[in-house]
Amino acid sequence: MAAEVLARAGHAVTIYEAMPTPARKFLLAGKSGLNITHAEDYAAFRTRFGAASRRLAPALDAFRPDDVRTWAMELGTETFVGSSNRVFPKAMKASPLLRVWLRRLEAEGVRINTRHRWSGFAEGGYLFETPEGRKIVRPDAALLALGGASWPRLGSDAAWVPWLGEKDVMVHNFRPANCGFDVDWSEAFRERFAGRPLKAVTASSGAGTFPGEFVVSRHGIEGSLVYAHAACLRDELERDGRAALILDLAPGRTAGRLARDLARQDRKTSFSNCLRKGAGLDQVKAALLKELSPEAARADPDRLAARIKAVALPVLRPRPIAEAISSAGGIHMSDVDERFMLKAVPGLFVAGEMLDWEAPTGGYLLTACFATGRAAGRGIAAWLADRHR
């Protein structure tokens, strides 16, 4: 995005890509359907970035979700609004969009050098490890867009943290975001239900109450509903040493109705059949209730209904950051000026997940990466113009 802005402003631009091919994380994001942005009301959209929302607002205002869709259309990629206002390319893939984008950048004079991995500062320039050996590059200005610390095998391994630390740039420790969590399942539950989804539930935490679904894994829980609560659960674990999702396993029924329906069941009916007939709980939900509340089988209808409407699912820890969709932490916003230039290193700009912000899944992550890239590109152009006045 920054290269696009700068090339169109008449600057010579080279992208140094560490991997054999560019945009591997972008391609991974599109593996099951590229959720490129989100179509909710923009006033709500710009609040989804936690404590960094205010700092990111100017960049987002200059490249809103509608602008993302227009940009994609200019590259021949038509988009549509799916469920929950998520926006996808009609092709449901990242590769067609990326191919056209790279061709357009090449036509605009942007050069891409692959297998060029930045390995720190040297002799007043930037040191790269390349197939031809070490090279030092001394550009008029540089942009780092090295990602956070999730999915390190795709390139975002946070190796840059100590190099910026040597320049007195404050970097907050990276933590998993939009991640799964470990749960202390019994061996019997794990063996029988790992890989099974829990559908049509609501989950509550300090982040709010949201409907959706998630998946039981061998380690714990995964899925979009879990990711919606991930930041809150992670922070509670760090602060209090414990955290739990509160699940409503029958969101379509009130506690009063559940109690009446459960009271009508034959006392000779097994507990699982009682839950199925009286509460509409499928096999996985019934097993989860028994796993988390063994005493529920002995509860009277009122207490059982209350437990179905609010069963606590304790989590032990987030899954490793290498498995997370994204990461929290990074360069502190106070160390970056309004042009996205590092205050401690004039001429060096940063964008994307290197910065300390996080957002839920749903197109927010990509949009903010696009927007900060464009903002940094404009910042570089303005800084260079000031230098040559």
Protein backbone atom coordinates (compact mmCIF):
# COMPACT_ATOMS: atom_id res chain seq x y z
CA MET A 1 0.00 0.00 0.00
CA ALA A 2 2.82 2.39 0.85
CA ALA A 3 4.64 1.47 -2.36
CA GLU A 4 1.50 2.23 -4.35
CA VAL A 5 1.17 5.69 -2.80
CA LEU A 6 4.86 6.53 -3.26
CA ALA A 7 5.19 5.23 -6.83
CA ARG A 8 2.20 7.31 -7.89
CA ALA A 9 3.87 10.33 -6.31
CA GLY A 10 6.88 9.80 -8.58
CA HIS A 11 9.28 8.13 -6.16
CA ALA A 12 11.53 5.17 -6.96
CA VAL A 13 10.38 2.34 -4.71
CA THR A 14 11.92 -1.04 -3.87
CA ILE A 15 10.19 -3.63 -1.69
CA TYR A 16 12.52 -5.99 0.16
CA GLU A 17 10.64 -9.21 0.84
CA ALA A 18 12.15 -11.77 3.19
CA MET A 19 10.21 -14.75 1.82
CA PRO A 20 10.55 -16.39 -1.62
CA THR A 21 7.21 -14.87 -2.65
CA PRO A 22 5.37 -11.80 -1.34
CA ALA A 23 2.23 -11.50 0.77
CA ARG A 24 2.15 -14.99 2.23
CA LYS A 25 0.10 -13.96 5.25
CA PHE A 26 -2.33 -12.14 2.96
CA LEU A 27 -2.73 -15.38 0.99
CA LEU A 28 -3.27 -17.36 4.19
CA ALA A 29 -5.96 -14.88 5.24
CA GLY A 30 -7.76 -15.70 2.00
CA LYS A 31 -7.41 -19.45 2.25
CA SER A 32 -10.97 -19.93 3.51
CA GLY A 33 -12.41 -16.71 2.04
CA LEU A 34 -10.65 -13.35 2.15
CA ASN A 35 -12.53 -11.23 4.70
CA ILE A 36 -11.17 -7.97 3.34
CA THR A 37 -13.15 -5.43 5.39
CA HIS A 38 -16.41 -4.91 7.29
CA ALA A 39 -19.58 -3.10 6.27
CA GLU A 40 -20.90 -2.02 9.67
CA ASP A 41 -21.60 1.66 10.32
CA TYR A 42 -18.26 3.45 10.10
CA ALA A 43 -18.73 5.27 13.41
CA ALA A 44 -18.78 1.83 15.09
CA PHE A 45 -16.03 0.43 12.84
CA ARG A 46 -13.45 2.99 13.95
CA THR A 47 -13.93 2.03 17.62
CA ARG A 48 -12.92 -1.62 17.14
CA PHE A 49 -9.19 -1.11 17.69
CA GLY A 50 -9.07 -0.95 21.45
CA ALA A 51 -6.93 1.66 23.13
CA ALA A 52 -5.34 2.54 19.77
CA SER A 53 -8.66 3.49 18.10
CA ARG A 54 -8.15 7.22 18.53
CA ARG A 55 -4.56 7.09 17.27
CA LEU A 56 -5.50 5.03 14.19
CA ALA A 57 -8.56 7.14 13.37
CA PRO A 58 -6.87 9.58 10.92
CA ALA A 59 -5.40 6.70 8.89
CA LEU A 60 -8.73 4.85 8.91
CA ASP A 61 -10.67 8.00 8.01
CA ALA A 62 -8.47 8.35 4.92
CA PHE A 63 -9.08 4.75 3.80
CA ARG A 64 -12.45 3.56 5.02
CA PRO A 65 -14.09 0.19 4.34
CA ASP A 66 -15.89 1.64 1.30
CA ASP A 67 -12.50 2.79 -0.01
CA VAL A 68 -11.14 -0.75 0.43
CA ARG A 69 -13.98 -2.07 -1.71
CA THR A 70 -13.40 0.60 -4.37
CA TRP A 71 -9.68 -0.18 -4.40
CA ALA A 72 -10.42 -3.90 -4.84
CA MET A 73 -12.86 -3.13 -7.66
CA GLU A 74 -10.16 -1.11 -9.44
CA LEU A 75 -8.09 -4.30 -9.35
CA GLY A 76 -10.94 -6.24 -10.92
CA THR A 77 -12.13 -7.81 -7.68
CA GLU A 78 -15.83 -7.39 -7.00
CA THR A 79 -16.87 -7.75 -3.36
CA PHE A 80 -20.06 -8.62 -1.51
CA VAL A 81 -21.37 -8.22 2.04
CA GLY A 82 -21.80 -11.57 3.73
CA SER A 83 -23.16 -12.63 7.09
CA SER A 84 -22.51 -10.30 10.03
CA ASN A 85 -21.59 -7.52 7.56
CA ARG A 86 -18.26 -9.12 6.64
CA VAL A 87 -17.02 -8.20 3.16
CA PHE A 88 -15.49 -10.79 0.82
CA PRO A 89 -14.31 -10.92 -2.81
CA LYS A 90 -16.84 -12.77 -4.95
CA ALA A 91 -14.02 -15.14 -5.91
CA MET A 92 -13.55 -15.86 -2.15
CA LYS A 93 -9.77 -15.97 -2.66
CA ALA A 94 -6.81 -13.65 -2.14
CA SER A 95 -4.67 -14.89 -5.04
CA PRO A 96 -6.54 -13.24 -7.97
CA LEU A 97 -6.48 -9.86 -6.22
CA LEU A 98 -2.80 -10.22 -5.29
CA ARG A 99 -1.72 -11.17 -8.83
CA VAL A 100 -3.34 -8.11 -10.37
CA TRP A 101 -2.05 -5.87 -7.58
CA LEU A 102 1.55 -7.03 -8.05
CA ARG A 103 1.30 -6.55 -11.82
CA ARG A 104 0.02 -3.02 -11.30
CA LEU A 105 2.82 -2.19 -8.87
CA GLU A 106 5.36 -3.50 -11.37
CA ALA A 107 3.80 -1.37 -14.11
CA GLU A 108 4.13 1.65 -11.84
CA GLY A 109 7.87 1.00 -11.46
CA VAL A 110 7.92 -0.74 -8.08
CA ARG A 111 10.70 -3.28 -7.79
CA ILE A 112 10.29 -6.33 -5.54
CA ASN A 113 13.40 -8.14 -4.32
CA THR A 114 12.47 -11.48 -2.74
CA ARG A 115 14.64 -13.48 -0.32
CA HIS A 116 16.00 -10.22 1.07
CA ARG A 117 15.69 -10.44 4.84
CA TRP A 118 16.40 -7.34 6.92
CA SER A 119 18.87 -8.20 9.69
CA GLY A 120 19.42 -4.87 11.44
CA PHE A 121 21.23 -1.56 11.07
CA ALA A 122 24.79 -1.29 9.75
CA GLU A 123 27.06 1.53 8.63
CA GLY A 124 24.30 4.10 8.47
CA GLY A 125 22.03 1.83 6.44
CA TYR A 126 19.93 -1.32 6.50
CA LEU A 127 21.62 -4.72 6.40
CA PHE A 128 20.00 -7.47 4.33
CA GLU A 129 20.74 -11.18 4.05
CA THR A 130 20.26 -12.14 0.40
CA PRO A 131 21.02 -15.13 -1.86
CA GLU A 132 24.06 -13.15 -3.08
CA GLY A 133 25.31 -12.44 0.43
CA ARG A 134 24.99 -9.48 2.74
CA LYS A 135 24.00 -6.08 1.37
CA ILE A 136 23.70 -2.66 2.96
CA VAL A 137 21.03 -0.37 1.56
CA ARG A 138 20.89 3.38 2.25
CA PRO A 139 17.55 4.75 1.01
CA ASP A 140 16.31 8.31 1.44
CA ALA A 141 13.53 6.88 3.61
CA ALA A 142 12.44 3.40 4.66
CA LEU A 143 9.27 1.72 5.85
CA LEU A 144 9.22 -1.37 8.04
CA ALA A 145 6.12 -3.52 7.57
CA LEU A 146 7.30 -6.69 9.29
CA GLY A 147 4.14 -7.82 11.03
CA GLY A 148 3.67 -8.85 14.63
CA ALA A 149 4.49 -12.28 16.05
CA SER A 150 1.68 -14.57 14.89
CA TRP A 151 2.25 -17.18 12.17
CA PRO A 152 6.06 -16.75 12.27
CA ARG A 153 6.59 -19.38 9.57
CA LEU A 154 5.08 -16.88 7.13
CA GLY A 155 7.65 -14.25 8.05
CA SER A 156 6.30 -12.26 11.01
CA ASP A 157 8.74 -13.56 13.61
CA ALA A 158 9.37 -10.30 15.56
CA ALA A 159 13.14 -10.66 15.04
CA TRP A 160 13.26 -6.88 14.64
CA VAL A 161 12.33 -6.11 18.26
CA PRO A 162 15.91 -5.94 19.69
CA TRP A 163 17.18 -3.86 16.75
CA LEU A 164 14.59 -1.16 17.37
CA GLY A 165 15.14 -1.50 21.10
CA GLU A 166 18.77 -0.51 20.51
CA LYS A 167 17.41 2.70 18.96
CA ASP A 168 15.39 3.41 22.13
CA VAL A 169 12.08 2.53 20.49
CA MET A 170 9.58 1.22 23.07
CA VAL A 171 8.13 -2.15 22.04
CA HIS A 172 5.46 -3.78 24.19
CA ASN A 173 5.71 -7.56 24.46
CA PHE A 174 3.71 -9.42 21.84
CA ARG A 175 0.76 -11.46 23.06
CA PRO A 176 -1.69 -13.69 21.20
CA ALA A 177 -4.90 -12.08 19.90
CA ASN A 178 -7.86 -13.70 18.16
CA CYS A 179 -6.69 -17.01 19.57
CA GLY A 180 -7.96 -20.22 21.07
CA PHE A 181 -7.58 -21.23 24.72
CA ASP A 182 -6.54 -24.32 26.63
CA VAL A 183 -9.22 -25.99 28.74
CA ASP A 184 -8.76 -28.80 31.27
CA TRP A 185 -11.03 -31.31 29.54
CA SER A 186 -11.46 -34.78 30.98
CA GLU A 187 -9.85 -37.42 28.81
CA ALA A 188 -13.25 -38.97 28.06
CA PHE A 189 -14.73 -35.66 26.86
CA ARG A 190 -11.61 -34.83 24.81
CA GLU A 191 -11.51 -38.19 23.07
CA ARG A 192 -15.19 -38.16 22.20
CA PHE A 193 -15.82 -34.55 21.25
CA ALA A 194 -12.56 -32.96 19.98
CA GLY A 195 -13.32 -31.41 16.60
CA ARG A 196 -17.05 -31.11 17.25
CA PRO A 197 -18.75 -27.68 16.95
CA LEU A 198 -21.08 -26.07 19.46
CA LYS A 199 -23.61 -24.15 17.41
CA ALA A 200 -26.28 -21.62 18.35
CA VAL A 201 -24.88 -20.52 21.68
CA THR A 202 -24.15 -17.15 23.21
CA ALA A 203 -20.99 -16.40 25.17
CA SER A 204 -20.45 -13.63 27.68
CA SER A 205 -17.35 -12.06 29.21
CA GLY A 206 -16.21 -8.57 30.08
CA ALA A 207 -16.17 -7.92 26.34
CA GLY A 208 -19.96 -8.32 26.12
CA THR A 209 -22.43 -10.99 25.03
CA PHE A 210 -22.30 -12.37 21.48
CA PRO A 211 -24.08 -15.18 19.64
CA GLY A 212 -22.21 -17.62 17.46
CA GLU A 213 -20.42 -20.94 17.53
CA PHE A 214 -17.07 -22.44 18.44
CA VAL A 215 -15.24 -25.76 18.23
CA VAL A 216 -14.04 -28.14 20.91
CA SER A 217 -10.37 -28.94 20.28
CA ARG A 218 -8.05 -31.45 21.93
CA HIS A 219 -6.44 -28.56 23.77
CA GLY A 220 -9.53 -26.49 24.52
CA ILE A 221 -11.69 -24.17 22.40
CA GLU A 222 -11.29 -22.43 19.05
CA GLY A 223 -13.45 -20.44 16.65
CA SER A 224 -14.97 -17.08 15.88
CA LEU A 225 -17.05 -16.82 19.07
CA VAL A 226 -13.95 -17.50 21.17
CA TYR A 227 -11.94 -14.92 19.22
CA ALA A 228 -14.56 -12.28 19.99
CA HIS A 229 -13.73 -12.72 23.69
CA ALA A 230 -10.03 -13.52 23.35
CA ALA A 231 -8.58 -10.14 24.36
CA CYS A 232 -10.78 -9.95 27.45
CA LEU A 233 -10.04 -13.53 28.52
CA ARG A 234 -6.30 -13.08 27.93
CA ASP A 235 -6.23 -9.87 29.98
CA GLU A 236 -8.25 -11.43 32.81
CA LEU A 237 -5.84 -14.37 32.97
CA GLU A 238 -2.88 -12.01 33.14
CA ARG A 239 -4.53 -9.83 35.78
CA ASP A 240 -6.40 -12.33 37.96
CA GLY A 241 -4.92 -15.71 37.10
CA ARG A 242 -8.32 -17.06 36.06
CA ALA A 243 -11.01 -16.38 33.45
CA ALA A 244 -14.14 -18.04 32.11
CA LEU A 245 -16.63 -17.76 29.29
CA ILE A 246 -20.25 -17.81 30.46
CA LEU A 247 -22.26 -19.86 27.98
CA ASP A 248 -25.99 -19.83 27.29
CA LEU A 249 -26.59 -23.24 25.71
CA ALA A 250 -30.24 -22.49 24.88
CA PRO A 251 -30.35 -18.83 23.85
CA GLY A 252 -33.75 -19.22 22.22
CA ARG A 253 -35.54 -20.05 25.45
CA THR A 254 -36.00 -18.17 28.72
CA ALA A 255 -35.03 -19.80 32.01
CA GLY A 256 -38.68 -19.96 32.98
CA ARG A 257 -39.68 -21.79 29.83
CA LEU A 258 -36.72 -24.18 30.18
CA ALA A 259 -37.69 -24.98 33.76
CA ARG A 260 -41.28 -25.76 32.72
CA ASP A 261 -40.16 -27.91 29.77
CA LEU A 262 -37.66 -29.80 31.92
CA ALA A 263 -40.25 -30.38 34.68
CA ARG A 264 -42.51 -32.12 32.18
CA GLN A 265 -39.93 -34.84 31.41
CA ASP A 266 -40.44 -38.37 32.70
CA ARG A 267 -38.20 -38.94 35.72
CA LYS A 268 -37.18 -42.31 34.29
CA THR A 269 -35.72 -40.60 31.20
CA SER A 270 -31.92 -40.48 31.06
CA PHE A 271 -30.31 -37.12 31.78
CA SER A 272 -29.14 -36.78 28.16
CA ASN A 273 -32.61 -37.45 26.82
CA CYS A 274 -34.10 -35.06 29.36
CA LEU A 275 -31.77 -32.32 28.08
CA ARG A 276 -32.53 -33.18 24.46
CA LYS A 277 -36.31 -33.27 24.84
CA GLY A 278 -36.74 -30.63 27.51
CA ALA A 279 -34.05 -28.11 26.53
CA GLY A 280 -33.24 -28.90 22.91
CA LEU A 281 -29.58 -29.60 23.72
CA ASP A 282 -27.75 -31.78 21.23
CA GLN A 283 -25.19 -34.39 22.21
CA VAL A 284 -22.23 -31.99 22.39
CA LYS A 285 -24.06 -29.37 24.45
CA ALA A 286 -25.38 -31.99 26.84
CA ALA A 287 -21.91 -33.50 27.27
CA LEU A 288 -20.40 -30.04 27.80
CA LEU A 289 -22.95 -29.27 30.52
CA LYS A 290 -22.14 -32.54 32.29
CA GLU A 291 -18.40 -31.87 31.88
CA LEU A 292 -18.57 -28.40 33.37
CA SER A 293 -21.37 -28.97 35.91
CA PRO A 294 -21.38 -32.62 37.07
CA GLU A 295 -23.94 -31.71 39.73
CA ALA A 296 -26.46 -30.56 37.07
CA ALA A 297 -27.94 -34.07 36.77
CA ARG A 298 -29.14 -33.82 40.37
CA ALA A 299 -30.52 -30.30 40.09
CA ASP A 300 -34.21 -29.47 40.18
CA PRO A 301 -35.71 -27.98 36.98
CA ASP A 302 -35.26 -24.37 38.08
CA ARG A 303 -31.61 -24.77 39.03
CA LEU A 304 -30.90 -26.88 35.94
CA ALA A 305 -32.49 -24.24 33.70
CA ALA A 306 -30.38 -21.53 35.35
CA ARG A 307 -27.23 -23.57 34.78
CA ILE A 308 -28.07 -24.18 31.09
CA LYS A 309 -28.50 -20.42 30.66
CA ALA A 310 -25.18 -19.59 32.36
CA VAL A 311 -22.62 -22.38 32.50
CA ALA A 312 -19.06 -21.25 33.21
CA LEU A 313 -16.31 -22.54 30.89
CA PRO A 314 -12.96 -21.86 32.64
CA VAL A 315 -9.93 -21.32 30.39
CA LEU A 316 -6.35 -21.99 31.47
CA ARG A 317 -4.22 -19.99 29.04
CA PRO A 318 -4.22 -18.68 25.46
CA ARG A 319 -2.88 -20.98 22.79
CA PRO A 320 0.69 -20.15 21.67
CA ILE A 321 1.14 -16.92 19.73
CA ALA A 322 2.43 -18.87 16.72
CA GLU A 323 -1.12 -20.25 16.32
CA ALA A 324 -2.91 -16.94 16.82
CA ILE A 325 -4.62 -15.12 13.95
CA SER A 326 -3.03 -11.86 15.09
CA SER A 327 -1.03 -10.39 17.93
CA ALA A 328 -1.34 -7.61 20.47
CA GLY A 329 1.66 -5.54 21.49
CA GLY A 330 4.32 -3.90 19.34
CA ILE A 331 5.74 -0.43 18.91
CA HIS A 332 4.19 2.00 21.37
CA MET A 333 2.13 4.63 19.58
CA SER A 334 3.81 7.41 21.56
CA ASP A 335 7.08 6.58 19.77
CA VAL A 336 5.51 7.20 16.34
CA ASP A 337 4.63 10.65 14.99
CA GLU A 338 1.52 11.57 13.00
CA ARG A 339 3.30 10.54 9.78
CA PHE A 340 4.03 7.05 11.18
CA MET A 341 7.73 7.87 11.45
CA LEU A 342 9.72 6.64 14.44
CA LYS A 343 10.59 9.67 16.53
CA ALA A 344 13.92 8.12 17.50
CA VAL A 345 14.96 7.27 13.91
CA PRO A 346 14.23 10.07 11.42
CA GLY A 347 13.43 8.70 7.99
CA LEU A 348 12.27 5.30 9.28
CA PHE A 349 8.53 4.64 9.17
CA VAL A 350 6.42 1.74 10.45
CA ALA A 351 2.98 0.33 9.62
CA GLY A 352 0.67 -2.60 10.16
CA GLU A 353 0.86 -5.11 13.00
CA MET A 354 4.28 -3.87 14.13
CA LEU A 355 2.34 -1.14 15.91
CA ASP A 356 0.67 -1.72 19.27
CA TRP A 357 -2.98 -2.20 18.33
CA GLU A 358 -5.35 -5.12 18.05
CA ALA A 359 -8.76 -5.73 16.56
CA PRO A 360 -11.29 -8.54 16.26
CA THR A 361 -11.57 -10.70 13.19
CA GLY A 362 -14.06 -9.55 10.59
CA GLY A 363 -11.98 -7.47 8.16
CA TYR A 364 -10.76 -4.98 10.77
CA LEU A 365 -7.18 -6.28 10.78
CA LEU A 366 -6.67 -6.08 7.02
CA THR A 367 -8.34 -2.68 6.73
CA ALA A 368 -6.11 -1.18 9.42
CA CYS A 369 -3.00 -2.69 7.81
CA PHE A 370 -4.02 -1.21 4.45
CA ALA A 371 -4.83 2.15 6.04
CA THR A 372 -1.61 2.46 8.06
CA GLY A 373 0.42 1.44 5.00
CA ARG A 374 -1.17 4.18 2.94
CA ALA A 375 -0.77 6.69 5.76
CA ALA A 376 2.92 5.80 6.12
CA GLY A 377 3.37 6.15 2.36
CA ARG A 378 1.89 9.64 2.50
CA GLY A 379 4.06 10.38 5.53
CA ILE A 380 7.21 9.38 3.66
CA ALA A 381 6.26 11.54 0.67
CA ALA A 382 5.61 14.54 2.95
CA TRP A 383 8.85 14.03 4.90
CA LEU A 384 10.91 13.80 1.71
CA ALA A 385 9.23 16.91 0.35
CA ASP A 386 10.09 18.81 3.53
CA ARG A 387 13.73 17.74 3.29
CA HIS A 388 14.07 19.02 -0.27
CA ARG A 389 12.53 22.42 0.33
